[in-house]
Amino acid sequence: MNETEIFNKVAELLAEHFDIEADKVTNELNFKKDLDGDSINFLEFVMDLEDAFGAEISDEDAAKLETVGQAVDYIKSHQ
């Protein structure tokens, strides 16, 4: 998958988990500051990322993911 495909899938998953439209998602969107969700929402989102991309994201790595761009870069480098 290329970066655009990864971004689009991440945006789709965000739209499902957090009440946001996929076309409003940017690389700068911060999971903790910009989304109205709690740690359980974020954990479920990370689990969906793992399922969607066939990658395992450790709790330590997940804690470092703050923005959409960081998540896309992480997935791209761990495909």
C-alpha atoms as a PDB file:
ATOM      1  CA  MET A   1       0.000   0.000   0.000  1.00  0.00           C
ATOM      2  CA  ASN A   2       1.190   3.473  -0.722  1.00  0.00           C
ATOM      3  CA  GLU A   3       0.998   6.416   1.666  1.00  0.00           C
ATOM      4  CA  THR A   4      -2.227   7.795   0.181  1.00  0.00           C
ATOM      5  CA  GLU A   5      -3.992   4.435   0.465  1.00  0.00           C
ATOM      6  CA  ILE A   6      -2.824   4.085   4.067  1.00  0.00           C
ATOM      7  CA  PHE A   7      -3.987   7.626   4.882  1.00  0.00           C
ATOM      8  CA  ASN A   8      -7.413   7.015   3.333  1.00  0.00           C
ATOM      9  CA  LYS A   9      -7.885   3.792   5.315  1.00  0.00           C
ATOM     10  CA  VAL A  10      -6.783   5.481   8.555  1.00  0.00           C
ATOM     11  CA  ALA A  11      -9.234   8.342   7.865  1.00  0.00           C
ATOM     12  CA  GLU A  12     -12.024   5.818   7.249  1.00  0.00           C
ATOM     13  CA  LEU A  13     -11.266   4.038  10.540  1.00  0.00           C
ATOM     14  CA  LEU A  14     -11.162   7.347  12.414  1.00  0.00           C
ATOM     15  CA  ALA A  15     -14.554   8.265  10.984  1.00  0.00           C
ATOM     16  CA  GLU A  16     -15.957   4.981  12.280  1.00  0.00           C
ATOM     17  CA  HIS A  17     -14.547   5.386  15.805  1.00  0.00           C
ATOM     18  CA  PHE A  18     -14.766   9.091  16.402  1.00  0.00           C
ATOM     19  CA  ASP A  19     -17.614  11.288  15.282  1.00  0.00           C
ATOM     20  CA  ILE A  20     -15.664  12.934  12.454  1.00  0.00           C
ATOM     21  CA  GLU A  21     -16.048  12.956   8.694  1.00  0.00           C
ATOM     22  CA  ALA A  22     -13.246  11.183   6.835  1.00  0.00           C
ATOM     23  CA  ASP A  23     -12.710  14.185   4.564  1.00  0.00           C
ATOM     24  CA  LYS A  24     -11.952  16.361   7.623  1.00  0.00           C
ATOM     25  CA  VAL A  25      -8.972  14.194   8.620  1.00  0.00           C
ATOM     26  CA  THR A  26      -5.518  15.687   8.082  1.00  0.00           C
ATOM     27  CA  ASN A  27      -2.018  14.444   8.857  1.00  0.00           C
ATOM     28  CA  GLU A  28      -1.834  17.026  11.656  1.00  0.00           C
ATOM     29  CA  LEU A  29      -4.995  15.825  13.402  1.00  0.00           C
ATOM     30  CA  ASN A  30      -4.034  14.928  16.972  1.00  0.00           C
ATOM     31  CA  PHE A  31      -5.775  11.872  18.412  1.00  0.00           C
ATOM     32  CA  LYS A  32      -5.829  13.185  21.982  1.00  0.00           C
ATOM     33  CA  LYS A  33      -6.344  16.913  21.438  1.00  0.00           C
ATOM     34  CA  ASP A  34      -8.612  17.026  18.391  1.00  0.00           C
ATOM     35  CA  LEU A  35     -10.861  14.005  18.844  1.00  0.00           C
ATOM     36  CA  ASP A  36     -13.535  13.658  21.466  1.00  0.00           C
ATOM     37  CA  GLY A  37     -12.616  10.175  22.599  1.00  0.00           C
ATOM     38  CA  ASP A  38     -11.208   8.356  25.557  1.00  0.00           C
ATOM     39  CA  SER A  39      -8.428   5.817  25.936  1.00  0.00           C
ATOM     40  CA  ILE A  40     -10.815   2.940  25.188  1.00  0.00           C
ATOM     41  CA  ASN A  41     -11.814   4.551  21.876  1.00  0.00           C
ATOM     42  CA  PHE A  42      -8.133   4.962  21.012  1.00  0.00           C
ATOM     43  CA  LEU A  43      -7.341   1.368  21.982  1.00  0.00           C
ATOM     44  CA  GLU A  44     -10.178   0.080  19.786  1.00  0.00           C
ATOM     45  CA  PHE A  45      -8.925   2.303  16.956  1.00  0.00           C
ATOM     46  CA  VAL A  46      -5.392   0.863  17.307  1.00  0.00           C
ATOM     47  CA  MET A  47      -6.805  -2.678  17.258  1.00  0.00           C
ATOM     48  CA  ASP A  48      -8.686  -1.848  14.052  1.00  0.00           C
ATOM     49  CA  LEU A  49      -5.470  -0.448  12.559  1.00  0.00           C
ATOM     50  CA  GLU A  50      -3.775  -3.746  13.373  1.00  0.00           C
ATOM     51  CA  ASP A  51      -6.583  -5.711  11.716  1.00  0.00           C
ATOM     52  CA  ALA A  52      -6.791  -3.454   8.672  1.00  0.00           C
ATOM     53  CA  PHE A  53      -3.071  -3.439   7.979  1.00  0.00           C
ATOM     54  CA  GLY A  54      -2.022  -6.838   9.316  1.00  0.00           C
ATOM     55  CA  ALA A  55       0.504  -5.265  11.655  1.00  0.00           C
ATOM     56  CA  GLU A  56       0.988  -5.549  15.378  1.00  0.00           C
ATOM     57  CA  ILE A  57       1.357  -2.247  17.203  1.00  0.00           C
ATOM     58  CA  SER A  58       2.870  -2.592  20.657  1.00  0.00           C
ATOM     59  CA  ASP A  59       1.342  -0.642  23.527  1.00  0.00           C
ATOM     60  CA  GLU A  60       4.588   1.325  23.760  1.00  0.00           C
ATOM     61  CA  ASP A  61       4.450   2.278  20.071  1.00  0.00           C
ATOM     62  CA  ALA A  62       0.718   3.061  20.233  1.00  0.00           C
ATOM     63  CA  ALA A  63       1.351   5.486  23.097  1.00  0.00           C
ATOM     64  CA  LYS A  64       3.774   7.404  20.858  1.00  0.00           C
ATOM     65  CA  LEU A  65       1.233   7.842  18.070  1.00  0.00           C
ATOM     66  CA  GLU A  66      -0.229  11.297  18.523  1.00  0.00           C
ATOM     67  CA  THR A  67      -1.198  12.370  15.012  1.00  0.00           C
ATOM     68  CA  VAL A  68      -2.655  10.812  11.891  1.00  0.00           C
ATOM     69  CA  GLY A  69       0.628  11.483  10.083  1.00  0.00           C
ATOM     70  CA  GLN A  70       2.570   9.551  12.721  1.00  0.00           C
ATOM     71  CA  ALA A  71       0.158   6.623  12.408  1.00  0.00           C
ATOM     72  CA  VAL A  72       0.488   6.613   8.614  1.00  0.00           C
ATOM     73  CA  ASP A  73       4.295   6.734   8.839  1.00  0.00           C
ATOM     74  CA  TYR A  74       4.304   3.929  11.411  1.00  0.00           C
ATOM     75  CA  ILE A  75       2.122   1.687   9.272  1.00  0.00           C
ATOM     76  CA  LYS A  76       4.108   2.493   6.127  1.00  0.00           C
ATOM     77  CA  SER A  77       7.382   1.523   7.821  1.00  0.00           C
ATOM     78  CA  HIS A  78       5.929  -1.669   9.368  1.00  0.00           C
ATOM     79  CA  GLN A  79       4.189  -3.217   6.350  1.00  0.00           C
END
